[in-house]
Amino acid sequence: MAKRIRTRSEEMGYRPVRADLQAELERDLRDPAFRAEWETIADEFAALDVLLDARRRAGLTQEEVAERMGVKQSALARIETSLTSRKHAPSLATLRKYAAALGCRIEIRLAPQ
C-alpha cells in the first residue's frame, strides 16, 4: 500500500473541516431577518444554478463557453457572477448567446407565488 503524503497545510497543523452547506442554510433560514434577505435573492441564485448546471451538463469550461460566445473568459465569469451581485444583470441577448454556446435555448416561465 502506498504511503500517504502529508500536505503542507497538514504539516503546519491545519485540518480540513467538512461543511454541510445545506444544514447551515436550513439553520440560517430559521432567522427571520436572514430568511427575508434570502428570499429577495433566491431568484438570482436559482438563475445562476440553471446556468452553471447547463454548463456542467455540456461538459464545458468557462473558457470554452467564452470562446463559443466570442468573449473573454473574464467576461463570462462576470456574466455568471452578475446574477448574484445584482450589479449588472445580463441582457436577454447575452443569455441567448450563453444558451446557444451550450447547445441550448432559453425558456422563460412565470410561476404563481
PDB file of N, CA and C in Angstrom:
ATOM      1  N   MET A   1       0.847  -1.174   0.000  1.00  0.00           N
ATOM      2  CA  MET A   1       0.000   0.000   0.000  1.00  0.00           C
ATOM      3  C   MET A   1       0.892   1.237   0.000  1.00  0.00           C
ATOM      4  N   ALA A   2       0.532   2.242  -0.803  1.00  0.00           N
ATOM      5  CA  ALA A   2       1.321   3.470  -0.921  1.00  0.00           C
ATOM      6  C   ALA A   2       1.192   4.308   0.344  1.00  0.00           C
ATOM      7  N   LYS A   3       2.306   4.911   0.711  1.00  0.00           N
ATOM      8  CA  LYS A   3       2.312   5.783   1.883  1.00  0.00           C
ATOM      9  C   LYS A   3       1.651   7.107   1.513  1.00  0.00           C
ATOM     10  N   ARG A   4       0.772   7.587   2.369  1.00  0.00           N
ATOM     11  CA  ARG A   4       0.077   8.856   2.136  1.00  0.00           C
ATOM     12  C   ARG A   4       1.026  10.004   2.445  1.00  0.00           C
ATOM     13  N   ILE A   5       1.105  10.939   1.529  1.00  0.00           N
ATOM     14  CA  ILE A   5       1.971  12.100   1.703  1.00  0.00           C
ATOM     15  C   ILE A   5       1.156  13.214   2.350  1.00  0.00           C
ATOM     16  N   ARG A   6       1.687  13.778   3.404  1.00  0.00           N
ATOM     17  CA  ARG A   6       1.005  14.877   4.090  1.00  0.00           C
ATOM     18  C   ARG A   6       1.158  16.160   3.288  1.00  0.00           C
ATOM     19  N   THR A   7       0.091  16.945   3.251  1.00  0.00           N
ATOM     20  CA  THR A   7       0.151  18.227   2.565  1.00  0.00           C
ATOM     21  C   THR A   7       0.865  19.241   3.452  1.00  0.00           C
ATOM     22  N   ARG A   8       1.289  20.334   2.856  1.00  0.00           N
ATOM     23  CA  ARG A   8       1.952  21.393   3.626  1.00  0.00           C
ATOM     24  C   ARG A   8       1.017  21.925   4.713  1.00  0.00           C
ATOM     25  N   SER A   9      -0.281  22.069   4.373  1.00  0.00           N
ATOM     26  CA  SER A   9      -1.250  22.552   5.359  1.00  0.00           C
ATOM     27  C   SER A   9      -1.319  21.617   6.559  1.00  0.00           C
ATOM     28  N   GLU A  10      -1.303  20.316   6.288  1.00  0.00           N
ATOM     29  CA  GLU A  10      -1.342  19.342   7.379  1.00  0.00           C
ATOM     30  C   GLU A  10      -0.073  19.426   8.216  1.00  0.00           C
ATOM     31  N   GLU A  11       1.065  19.617   7.554  1.00  0.00           N
ATOM     32  CA  GLU A  11       2.332  19.737   8.277  1.00  0.00           C
ATOM     33  C   GLU A  11       2.330  20.955   9.191  1.00  0.00           C
ATOM     34  N   MET A  12       1.590  21.986   8.796  1.00  0.00           N
ATOM     35  CA  MET A  12       1.530  23.205   9.600  1.00  0.00           C
ATOM     36  C   MET A  12       0.453  23.113  10.680  1.00  0.00           C
ATOM     37  N   GLY A  13      -0.245  21.986  10.761  1.00  0.00           N
ATOM     38  CA  GLY A  13      -1.232  21.786  11.806  1.00  0.00           C
ATOM     39  C   GLY A  13      -2.661  22.112  11.411  1.00  0.00           C
ATOM     40  N   TYR A  14      -2.891  22.456  10.138  1.00  0.00           N
ATOM     41  CA  TYR A  14      -4.248  22.755   9.693  1.00  0.00           C
ATOM     42  C   TYR A  14      -4.984  21.462   9.371  1.00  0.00           C
ATOM     43  N   ARG A  15      -6.222  21.411   9.744  1.00  0.00           N
ATOM     44  CA  ARG A  15      -7.053  20.249   9.458  1.00  0.00           C
ATOM     45  C   ARG A  15      -8.281  20.717   8.686  1.00  0.00           C
ATOM     46  N   PRO A  16      -8.612  20.020   7.607  1.00  0.00           N
ATOM     47  CA  PRO A  16      -9.810  20.418   6.855  1.00  0.00           C
ATOM     48  C   PRO A  16     -11.065  20.210   7.687  1.00  0.00           C
ATOM     49  N   VAL A  17     -12.022  21.073   7.469  1.00  0.00           N
ATOM     50  CA  VAL A  17     -13.298  20.988   8.163  1.00  0.00           C
ATOM     51  C   VAL A  17     -14.364  20.718   7.112  1.00  0.00           C
ATOM     52  N   ARG A  18     -15.112  19.674   7.315  1.00  0.00           N
ATOM     53  CA  ARG A  18     -16.194  19.356   6.378  1.00  0.00           C
ATOM     54  C   ARG A  18     -17.348  20.324   6.618  1.00  0.00           C
ATOM     55  N   ALA A  19     -17.890  20.825   5.532  1.00  0.00           N
ATOM     56  CA  ALA A  19     -19.006  21.767   5.639  1.00  0.00           C
ATOM     57  C   ALA A  19     -20.261  21.101   5.102  1.00  0.00           C
ATOM     58  N   ASP A  20     -21.323  21.226   5.845  1.00  0.00           N
ATOM     59  CA  ASP A  20     -22.627  20.761   5.389  1.00  0.00           C
ATOM     60  C   ASP A  20     -23.426  22.026   5.069  1.00  0.00           C
ATOM     61  N   LEU A  21     -23.265  22.497   3.837  1.00  0.00           N
ATOM     62  CA  LEU A  21     -23.861  23.775   3.451  1.00  0.00           C
ATOM     63  C   LEU A  21     -25.374  23.754   3.528  1.00  0.00           C
ATOM     64  N   GLN A  22     -25.989  22.637   3.201  1.00  0.00           N
ATOM     65  CA  GLN A  22     -27.446  22.559   3.261  1.00  0.00           C
ATOM     66  C   GLN A  22     -27.922  22.697   4.704  1.00  0.00           C
ATOM     67  N   ALA A  23     -27.244  22.029   5.623  1.00  0.00           N
ATOM     68  CA  ALA A  23     -27.620  22.130   7.040  1.00  0.00           C
ATOM     69  C   ALA A  23     -27.410  23.553   7.550  1.00  0.00           C
ATOM     70  N   GLU A  24     -26.316  24.193   7.123  1.00  0.00           N
ATOM     71  CA  GLU A  24     -26.063  25.576   7.537  1.00  0.00           C
ATOM     72  C   GLU A  24     -27.155  26.501   7.012  1.00  0.00           C
ATOM     73  N   LEU A  25     -27.545  26.308   5.755  1.00  0.00           N
ATOM     74  CA  LEU A  25     -28.600  27.145   5.180  1.00  0.00           C
ATOM     75  C   LEU A  25     -29.910  26.937   5.921  1.00  0.00           C
ATOM     76  N   GLU A  26     -30.253  25.680   6.181  1.00  0.00           N
ATOM     77  CA  GLU A  26     -31.500  25.407   6.908  1.00  0.00           C
ATOM     78  C   GLU A  26     -31.488  26.065   8.285  1.00  0.00           C
ATOM     79  N   ARG A  27     -30.345  26.034   8.946  1.00  0.00           N
ATOM     80  CA  ARG A  27     -30.229  26.676  10.261  1.00  0.00           C
ATOM     81  C   ARG A  27     -30.392  28.187  10.120  1.00  0.00           C
ATOM     82  N   ASP A  28     -29.705  28.771   9.145  1.00  0.00           N
ATOM     83  CA  ASP A  28     -29.766  30.218   8.954  1.00  0.00           C
ATOM     84  C   ASP A  28     -31.160  30.696   8.566  1.00  0.00           C
ATOM     85  N   LEU A  29     -31.895  29.872   7.818  1.00  0.00           N
ATOM     86  CA  LEU A  29     -33.239  30.262   7.378  1.00  0.00           C
ATOM     87  C   LEU A  29     -34.231  30.339   8.531  1.00  0.00           C
ATOM     88  N   ARG A  30     -33.885  29.824   9.688  1.00  0.00           N
ATOM     89  CA  ARG A  30     -34.757  29.953  10.866  1.00  0.00           C
ATOM     90  C   ARG A  30     -34.756  31.380  11.406  1.00  0.00           C
ATOM     91  N   ASP A  31     -33.737  32.151  11.051  1.00  0.00           N
ATOM     92  CA  ASP A  31     -33.644  33.547  11.467  1.00  0.00           C
ATOM     93  C   ASP A  31     -34.523  34.376  10.516  1.00  0.00           C
ATOM     94  N   PRO A  32     -35.568  35.045  11.020  1.00  0.00           N
ATOM     95  CA  PRO A  32     -36.486  35.787  10.140  1.00  0.00           C
ATOM     96  C   PRO A  32     -35.789  36.850   9.284  1.00  0.00           C
ATOM     97  N   ALA A  33     -34.805  37.540   9.833  1.00  0.00           N
ATOM     98  CA  ALA A  33     -34.106  38.574   9.052  1.00  0.00           C
ATOM     99  C   ALA A  33     -33.315  37.937   7.914  1.00  0.00           C
ATOM    100  N   PHE A  34     -32.645  36.829   8.206  1.00  0.00           N
ATOM    101  CA  PHE A  34     -31.888  36.124   7.168  1.00  0.00           C
ATOM    102  C   PHE A  34     -32.849  35.599   6.103  1.00  0.00           C
ATOM    103  N   ARG A  35     -33.953  34.987   6.542  1.00  0.00           N
ATOM    104  CA  ARG A  35     -34.931  34.428   5.603  1.00  0.00           C
ATOM    105  C   ARG A  35     -35.465  35.511   4.670  1.00  0.00           C
ATOM    106  N   ALA A  36     -35.784  36.683   5.202  1.00  0.00           N
ATOM    107  CA  ALA A  36     -36.312  37.769   4.375  1.00  0.00           C
ATOM    108  C   ALA A  36     -35.292  38.186   3.314  1.00  0.00           C
ATOM    109  N   GLU A  37     -34.046  38.315   3.722  1.00  0.00           N
ATOM    110  CA  GLU A  37     -32.989  38.698   2.767  1.00  0.00           C
ATOM    111  C   GLU A  37     -32.769  37.591   1.742  1.00  0.00           C
ATOM    112  N   TRP A  38     -32.757  36.346   2.190  1.00  0.00           N
ATOM    113  CA  TRP A  38     -32.565  35.202   1.296  1.00  0.00           C
ATOM    114  C   TRP A  38     -33.653  35.170   0.230  1.00  0.00           C
ATOM    115  N   GLU A  39     -34.875  35.424   0.636  1.00  0.00           N
ATOM    116  CA  GLU A  39     -35.985  35.373  -0.312  1.00  0.00           C
ATOM    117  C   GLU A  39     -35.892  36.465  -1.373  1.00  0.00           C
ATOM    118  N   THR A  40     -35.223  37.584  -1.062  1.00  0.00           N
ATOM    119  CA  THR A  40     -35.073  38.641  -2.064  1.00  0.00           C
ATOM    120  C   THR A  40     -34.043  38.276  -3.132  1.00  0.00           C
ATOM    121  N   ILE A  41     -33.145  37.346  -2.837  1.00  0.00           N
ATOM    122  CA  ILE A  41     -32.110  36.975  -3.811  1.00  0.00           C
ATOM    123  C   ILE A  41     -32.253  35.550  -4.330  1.00  0.00           C
ATOM    124  N   ALA A  42     -33.260  34.831  -3.882  1.00  0.00           N
ATOM    125  CA  ALA A  42     -33.423  33.428  -4.272  1.00  0.00           C
ATOM    126  C   ALA A  42     -33.527  33.255  -5.785  1.00  0.00           C
ATOM    127  N   ASP A  43     -34.221  34.164  -6.473  1.00  0.00           N
ATOM    128  CA  ASP A  43     -34.356  34.054  -7.931  1.00  0.00           C
ATOM    129  C   ASP A  43     -33.008  34.143  -8.632  1.00  0.00           C
ATOM    130  N   GLU A  44     -32.140  35.056  -8.151  1.00  0.00           N
ATOM    131  CA  GLU A  44     -30.825  35.211  -8.765  1.00  0.00           C
ATOM    132  C   GLU A  44     -29.997  33.939  -8.595  1.00  0.00           C
ATOM    133  N   PHE A  45     -30.036  33.355  -7.392  1.00  0.00           N
ATOM    134  CA  PHE A  45     -29.285  32.124  -7.168  1.00  0.00           C
ATOM    135  C   PHE A  45     -29.854  30.979  -7.998  1.00  0.00           C
ATOM    136  N   ALA A  46     -31.159  30.933  -8.145  1.00  0.00           N
ATOM    137  CA  ALA A  46     -31.780  29.892  -8.963  1.00  0.00           C
ATOM    138  C   ALA A  46     -31.344  30.039 -10.421  1.00  0.00           C
ATOM    139  N   ALA A  47     -31.305  31.272 -10.919  1.00  0.00           N
ATOM    140  CA  ALA A  47     -30.871  31.514 -12.297  1.00  0.00           C
ATOM    141  C   ALA A  47     -29.409  31.106 -12.478  1.00  0.00           C
ATOM    142  N   LEU A  48     -28.566  31.441 -11.519  1.00  0.00           N
ATOM    143  CA  LEU A  48     -27.160  31.055 -11.590  1.00  0.00           C
ATOM    144  C   LEU A  48     -27.033  29.537 -11.588  1.00  0.00           C
ATOM    145  N   ASP A  49     -27.798  28.861 -10.749  1.00  0.00           N
ATOM    146  CA  ASP A  49     -27.774  27.395 -10.721  1.00  0.00           C
ATOM    147  C   ASP A  49     -28.125  26.814 -12.085  1.00  0.00           C
ATOM    148  N   VAL A  50     -29.112  27.415 -12.757  1.00  0.00           N
ATOM    149  CA  VAL A  50     -29.516  26.930 -14.077  1.00  0.00           C
ATOM    150  C   VAL A  50     -28.355  27.074 -15.060  1.00  0.00           C
ATOM    151  N   LEU A  51     -27.695  28.238 -15.056  1.00  0.00           N
ATOM    152  CA  LEU A  51     -26.570  28.452 -15.975  1.00  0.00           C
ATOM    153  C   LEU A  51     -25.434  27.481 -15.696  1.00  0.00           C
ATOM    154  N   LEU A  52     -25.040  27.383 -14.443  1.00  0.00           N
ATOM    155  CA  LEU A  52     -23.905  26.524 -14.100  1.00  0.00           C
ATOM    156  C   LEU A  52     -24.216  25.057 -14.350  1.00  0.00           C
ATOM    157  N   ASP A  53     -25.440  24.647 -14.056  1.00  0.00           N
ATOM    158  CA  ASP A  53     -25.828  23.261 -14.295  1.00  0.00           C
ATOM    159  C   ASP A  53     -25.798  22.949 -15.792  1.00  0.00           C
ATOM    160  N   ALA A  54     -26.288  23.869 -16.606  1.00  0.00           N
ATOM    161  CA  ALA A  54     -26.271  23.658 -18.063  1.00  0.00           C
ATOM    162  C   ALA A  54     -24.842  23.573 -18.575  1.00  0.00           C
ATOM    163  N   ARG A  55     -23.956  24.418 -18.042  1.00  0.00           N
ATOM    164  CA  ARG A  55     -22.549  24.384 -18.476  1.00  0.00           C
ATOM    165  C   ARG A  55     -21.900  23.064 -18.064  1.00  0.00           C
ATOM    166  N   ARG A  56     -22.194  22.603 -16.852  1.00  0.00           N
ATOM    167  CA  ARG A  56     -21.644  21.308 -16.395  1.00  0.00           C
ATOM    168  C   ARG A  56     -22.156  20.162 -17.268  1.00  0.00           C
ATOM    169  N   ARG A  57     -23.464  20.171 -17.547  1.00  0.00           N
ATOM    170  CA  ARG A  57     -24.043  19.104 -18.388  1.00  0.00           C
ATOM    171  C   ARG A  57     -23.408  19.104 -19.774  1.00  0.00           C
ATOM    172  N   ALA A  58     -23.078  20.290 -20.288  1.00  0.00           N
ATOM    173  CA  ALA A  58     -22.445  20.388 -21.600  1.00  0.00           C
ATOM    174  C   ALA A  58     -20.973  19.974 -21.527  1.00  0.00           C
ATOM    175  N   GLY A  59     -20.443  19.877 -20.312  1.00  0.00           N
ATOM    176  CA  GLY A  59     -19.050  19.474 -20.141  1.00  0.00           C
ATOM    177  C   GLY A  59     -18.062  20.534 -20.591  1.00  0.00           C
ATOM    178  N   LEU A  60     -18.448  21.804 -20.463  1.00  0.00           N
ATOM    179  CA  LEU A  60     -17.610  22.900 -20.942  1.00  0.00           C
ATOM    180  C   LEU A  60     -17.082  23.747 -19.798  1.00  0.00           C
ATOM    181  N   THR A  61     -15.897  24.273 -19.982  1.00  0.00           N
ATOM    182  CA  THR A  61     -15.316  25.214 -19.030  1.00  0.00           C
ATOM    183  C   THR A  61     -15.783  26.622 -19.376  1.00  0.00           C
ATOM    184  N   GLN A  62     -15.546  27.555 -18.464  1.00  0.00           N
ATOM    185  CA  GLN A  62     -15.859  28.956 -18.767  1.00  0.00           C
ATOM    186  C   GLN A  62     -15.108  29.400 -20.017  1.00  0.00           C
ATOM    187  N   GLU A  63     -13.862  29.000 -20.115  1.00  0.00           N
ATOM    188  CA  GLU A  63     -13.043  29.415 -21.258  1.00  0.00           C
ATOM    189  C   GLU A  63     -13.642  28.905 -22.575  1.00  0.00           C
ATOM    190  N   GLU A  64     -14.119  27.671 -22.586  1.00  0.00           N
ATOM    191  CA  GLU A  64     -14.705  27.111 -23.807  1.00  0.00           C
ATOM    192  C   GLU A  64     -16.007  27.809 -24.168  1.00  0.00           C
ATOM    193  N   VAL A  65     -16.842  28.085 -23.187  1.00  0.00           N
ATOM    194  CA  VAL A  65     -18.105  28.788 -23.456  1.00  0.00           C
ATOM    195  C   VAL A  65     -17.802  30.200 -23.943  1.00  0.00           C
ATOM    196  N   ALA A  66     -16.864  30.861 -23.302  1.00  0.00           N
ATOM    197  CA  ALA A  66     -16.492  32.215 -23.700  1.00  0.00           C
ATOM    198  C   ALA A  66     -16.033  32.249 -25.151  1.00  0.00           C
ATOM    199  N   GLU A  67     -15.216  31.282 -25.529  1.00  0.00           N
ATOM    200  CA  GLU A  67     -14.732  31.224 -26.911  1.00  0.00           C
ATOM    201  C   GLU A  67     -15.896  31.064 -27.884  1.00  0.00           C
ATOM    202  N   ARG A  68     -16.839  30.206 -27.548  1.00  0.00           N
ATOM    203  CA  ARG A  68     -18.007  30.000 -28.408  1.00  0.00           C
ATOM    204  C   ARG A  68     -18.878  31.251 -28.490  1.00  0.00           C
ATOM    205  N   MET A  69     -18.884  32.059 -27.408  1.00  0.00           N
ATOM    206  CA  MET A  69     -19.677  33.290 -27.392  1.00  0.00           C
ATOM    207  C   MET A  69     -18.939  34.452 -28.034  1.00  0.00           C
ATOM    208  N   GLY A  70     -17.622  34.302 -28.220  1.00  0.00           N
ATOM    209  CA  GLY A  70     -16.822  35.391 -28.773  1.00  0.00           C
ATOM    210  C   GLY A  70     -16.465  36.448 -27.751  1.00  0.00           C
ATOM    211  N   VAL A  71     -16.350  36.020 -26.484  1.00  0.00           N
ATOM    212  CA  VAL A  71     -15.956  36.940 -25.415  1.00  0.00           C
ATOM    213  C   VAL A  71     -14.776  36.334 -24.656  1.00  0.00           C
ATOM    214  N   LYS A  72     -14.172  37.128 -23.795  1.00  0.00           N
ATOM    215  CA  LYS A  72     -13.084  36.624 -22.962  1.00  0.00           C
ATOM    216  C   LYS A  72     -13.650  35.837 -21.782  1.00  0.00           C
ATOM    217  N   GLN A  73     -12.833  34.948 -21.223  1.00  0.00           N
ATOM    218  CA  GLN A  73     -13.254  34.148 -20.085  1.00  0.00           C
ATOM    219  C   GLN A  73     -13.646  35.038 -18.915  1.00  0.00           C
ATOM    220  N   SER A  74     -12.924  36.141 -18.711  1.00  0.00           N
ATOM    221  CA  SER A  74     -13.240  37.041 -17.597  1.00  0.00           C
ATOM    222  C   SER A  74     -14.625  37.668 -17.775  1.00  0.00           C
ATOM    223  N   ALA A  75     -15.011  37.934 -19.028  1.00  0.00           N
ATOM    224  CA  ALA A  75     -16.341  38.483 -19.292  1.00  0.00           C
ATOM    225  C   ALA A  75     -17.411  37.436 -18.972  1.00  0.00           C
ATOM    226  N   LEU A  76     -17.133  36.181 -19.301  1.00  0.00           N
ATOM    227  CA  LEU A  76     -18.086  35.127 -18.984  1.00  0.00           C
ATOM    228  C   LEU A  76     -18.214  34.949 -17.473  1.00  0.00           C
ATOM    229  N   ALA A  77     -17.105  35.042 -16.765  1.00  0.00           N
ATOM    230  CA  ALA A  77     -17.150  34.940 -15.299  1.00  0.00           C
ATOM    231  C   ALA A  77     -18.021  36.052 -14.730  1.00  0.00           C
ATOM    232  N   ARG A  78     -17.915  37.258 -15.288  1.00  0.00           N
ATOM    233  CA  ARG A  78     -18.753  38.370 -14.827  1.00  0.00           C
ATOM    234  C   ARG A  78     -20.229  38.096 -15.114  1.00  0.00           C
ATOM    235  N   ILE A  79     -20.511  37.493 -16.253  1.00  0.00           N
ATOM    236  CA  ILE A  79     -21.907  37.161 -16.589  1.00  0.00           C
ATOM    237  C   ILE A  79     -22.462  36.204 -15.532  1.00  0.00           C
ATOM    238  N   GLU A  80     -21.691  35.152 -15.240  1.00  0.00           N
ATOM    239  CA  GLU A  80     -22.172  34.160 -14.284  1.00  0.00           C
ATOM    240  C   GLU A  80     -22.315  34.747 -12.885  1.00  0.00           C
ATOM    241  N   THR A  81     -21.366  35.552 -12.452  1.00  0.00           N
ATOM    242  CA  THR A  81     -21.438  36.088 -11.089  1.00  0.00           C
ATOM    243  C   THR A  81     -22.377  37.284 -10.985  1.00  0.00           C
ATOM    244  N   SER A  82     -22.683  37.928 -12.105  1.00  0.00           N
ATOM    245  CA  SER A  82     -23.561  39.097 -12.050  1.00  0.00           C
ATOM    246  C   SER A  82     -24.945  38.738 -11.540  1.00  0.00           C
ATOM    247  N   LEU A  83     -25.324  37.492 -11.723  1.00  0.00           N
ATOM    248  CA  LEU A  83     -26.655  37.088 -11.269  1.00  0.00           C
ATOM    249  C   LEU A  83     -26.781  37.147  -9.758  1.00  0.00           C
ATOM    250  N   THR A  84     -25.671  37.039  -9.042  1.00  0.00           N
ATOM    251  CA  THR A  84     -25.743  37.099  -7.582  1.00  0.00           C
ATOM    252  C   THR A  84     -25.272  38.432  -7.028  1.00  0.00           C
ATOM    253  N   SER A  85     -24.634  39.241  -7.847  1.00  0.00           N
ATOM    254  CA  SER A  85     -24.126  40.528  -7.349  1.00  0.00           C
ATOM    255  C   SER A  85     -25.177  41.630  -7.471  1.00  0.00           C
ATOM    256  N   ARG A  86     -26.151  41.440  -8.332  1.00  0.00           N
ATOM    257  CA  ARG A  86     -27.208  42.427  -8.581  1.00  0.00           C
ATOM    258  C   ARG A  86     -26.676  43.742  -9.134  1.00  0.00           C
ATOM    259  N   LYS A  87     -25.448  43.741  -9.638  1.00  0.00           N
ATOM    260  CA  LYS A  87     -24.879  44.971 -10.178  1.00  0.00           C
ATOM    261  C   LYS A  87     -25.176  45.109 -11.661  1.00  0.00           C
ATOM    262  N   HIS A  88     -24.881  44.082 -12.418  1.00  0.00           N
ATOM    263  CA  HIS A  88     -25.048  44.157 -13.869  1.00  0.00           C
ATOM    264  C   HIS A  88     -25.727  42.882 -14.346  1.00  0.00           C
ATOM    265  N   ALA A  89     -27.035  42.883 -14.355  1.00  0.00           N
ATOM    266  CA  ALA A  89     -27.761  41.706 -14.812  1.00  0.00           C
ATOM    267  C   ALA A  89     -27.532  41.531 -16.309  1.00  0.00           C
ATOM    268  N   PRO A  90     -27.265  40.300 -16.743  1.00  0.00           N
ATOM    269  CA  PRO A  90     -27.054  40.081 -18.178  1.00  0.00           C
ATOM    270  C   PRO A  90     -28.346  40.304 -18.957  1.00  0.00           C
ATOM    271  N   SER A  91     -28.196  40.818 -20.163  1.00  0.00           N
ATOM    272  CA  SER A  91     -29.366  41.057 -21.014  1.00  0.00           C
ATOM    273  C   SER A  91     -29.888  39.722 -21.544  1.00  0.00           C
ATOM    274  N   LEU A  92     -31.100  39.757 -22.056  1.00  0.00           N
ATOM    275  CA  LEU A  92     -31.677  38.564 -22.662  1.00  0.00           C
ATOM    276  C   LEU A  92     -30.833  38.128 -23.862  1.00  0.00           C
ATOM    277  N   ALA A  93     -30.305  39.081 -24.613  1.00  0.00           N
ATOM    278  CA  ALA A  93     -29.448  38.751 -25.763  1.00  0.00           C
ATOM    279  C   ALA A  93     -28.192  38.006 -25.306  1.00  0.00           C
ATOM    280  N   THR A  94     -27.605  38.446 -24.195  1.00  0.00           N
ATOM    281  CA  THR A  94     -26.414  37.773 -23.669  1.00  0.00           C
ATOM    282  C   THR A  94     -26.753  36.364 -23.207  1.00  0.00           C
ATOM    283  N   LEU A  95     -27.891  36.222 -22.539  1.00  0.00           N
ATOM    284  CA  LEU A  95     -28.299  34.890 -22.081  1.00  0.00           C
ATOM    285  C   LEU A  95     -28.596  33.969 -23.265  1.00  0.00           C
ATOM    286  N   ARG A  96     -29.123  34.527 -24.357  1.00  0.00           N
ATOM    287  CA  ARG A  96     -29.343  33.722 -25.560  1.00  0.00           C
ATOM    288  C   ARG A  96     -28.020  33.215 -26.122  1.00  0.00           C
ATOM    289  N   LYS A  97     -27.001  34.102 -26.168  1.00  0.00           N
ATOM    290  CA  LYS A  97     -25.678  33.695 -26.655  1.00  0.00           C
ATOM    291  C   LYS A  97     -25.083  32.616 -25.760  1.00  0.00           C
ATOM    292  N   TYR A  98     -25.253  32.771 -24.462  1.00  0.00           N
ATOM    293  CA  TYR A  98     -24.756  31.781 -23.498  1.00  0.00           C
ATOM    294  C   TYR A  98     -25.437  30.441 -23.770  1.00  0.00           C
ATOM    295  N   ALA A  99     -26.755  30.459 -23.884  1.00  0.00           N
ATOM    296  CA  ALA A  99     -27.507  29.226 -24.139  1.00  0.00           C
ATOM    297  C   ALA A  99     -27.074  28.588 -25.453  1.00  0.00           C
ATOM    298  N   ALA A 100     -26.941  29.382 -26.501  1.00  0.00           N
ATOM    299  CA  ALA A 100     -26.538  28.851 -27.800  1.00  0.00           C
ATOM    300  C   ALA A 100     -25.155  28.216 -27.732  1.00  0.00           C
ATOM    301  N   ALA A 101     -24.250  28.810 -26.956  1.00  0.00           N
ATOM    302  CA  ALA A 101     -22.903  28.255 -26.805  1.00  0.00           C
ATOM    303  C   ALA A 101     -22.933  26.878 -26.146  1.00  0.00           C
ATOM    304  N   LEU A 102     -23.990  26.617 -25.383  1.00  0.00           N
ATOM    305  CA  LEU A 102     -24.142  25.325 -24.716  1.00  0.00           C
ATOM    306  C   LEU A 102     -25.018  24.358 -25.505  1.00  0.00           C
ATOM    307  N   GLY A 103     -25.508  24.817 -26.658  1.00  0.00           N
ATOM    308  CA  GLY A 103     -26.415  23.980 -27.441  1.00  0.00           C
ATOM    309  C   GLY A 103     -27.810  23.950 -26.845  1.00  0.00           C
ATOM    310  N   CYS A 104     -28.181  25.040 -26.173  1.00  0.00           N
ATOM    311  CA  CYS A 104     -29.479  25.127 -25.512  1.00  0.00           C
ATOM    312  C   CYS A 104     -30.254  26.330 -26.044  1.00  0.00           C
ATOM    313  N   ARG A 105     -31.472  26.453 -25.575  1.00  0.00           N
ATOM    314  CA  ARG A 105     -32.277  27.637 -25.836  1.00  0.00           C
ATOM    315  C   ARG A 105     -32.864  28.092 -24.506  1.00  0.00           C
ATOM    316  N   ILE A 106     -33.313  29.313 -24.455  1.00  0.00           N
ATOM    317  CA  ILE A 106     -33.871  29.876 -23.227  1.00  0.00           C
ATOM    318  C   ILE A 106     -35.375  29.604 -23.175  1.00  0.00           C
ATOM    319  N   GLU A 107     -35.843  29.250 -21.999  1.00  0.00           N
ATOM    320  CA  GLU A 107     -37.287  29.147 -21.738  1.00  0.00           C
ATOM    321  C   GLU A 107     -37.563  30.018 -20.533  1.00  0.00           C
ATOM    322  N   ILE A 108     -38.597  30.835 -20.642  1.00  0.00           N
ATOM    323  CA  ILE A 108     -38.975  31.698 -19.508  1.00  0.00           C
ATOM    324  C   ILE A 108     -40.379  31.311 -19.086  1.00  0.00           C
ATOM    325  N   ARG A 109     -40.529  31.090 -17.776  1.00  0.00           N
ATOM    326  CA  ARG A 109     -41.846  30.743 -17.241  1.00  0.00           C
ATOM    327  C   ARG A 109     -42.115  31.590 -16.009  1.00  0.00           C
ATOM    328  N   LEU A 110     -43.371  31.919 -15.816  1.00  0.00           N
ATOM    329  CA  LEU A 110     -43.792  32.602 -14.584  1.00  0.00           C
ATOM    330  C   LEU A 110     -44.581  31.597 -13.761  1.00  0.00           C
ATOM    331  N   ALA A 111     -44.265  31.562 -12.477  1.00  0.00           N
ATOM    332  CA  ALA A 111     -44.944  30.620 -11.580  1.00  0.00           C
ATOM    333  C   ALA A 111     -45.712  31.399 -10.528  1.00  0.00           C
ATOM    334  N   PRO A 112     -46.866  30.882 -10.129  1.00  0.00           N
ATOM    335  CA  PRO A 112     -47.618  31.570  -9.061  1.00  0.00           C
ATOM    336  C   PRO A 112     -46.799  31.625  -7.782  1.00  0.00           C
ATOM    337  N   GLN A 113     -47.004  32.690  -6.997  1.00  0.00           N
ATOM    338  CA  GLN A 113     -46.263  32.833  -5.746  1.00  0.00           C
ATOM    339  C   GLN A 113     -46.867  31.974  -4.673  1.00  0.00           C
TER     340      GLN A 113
END
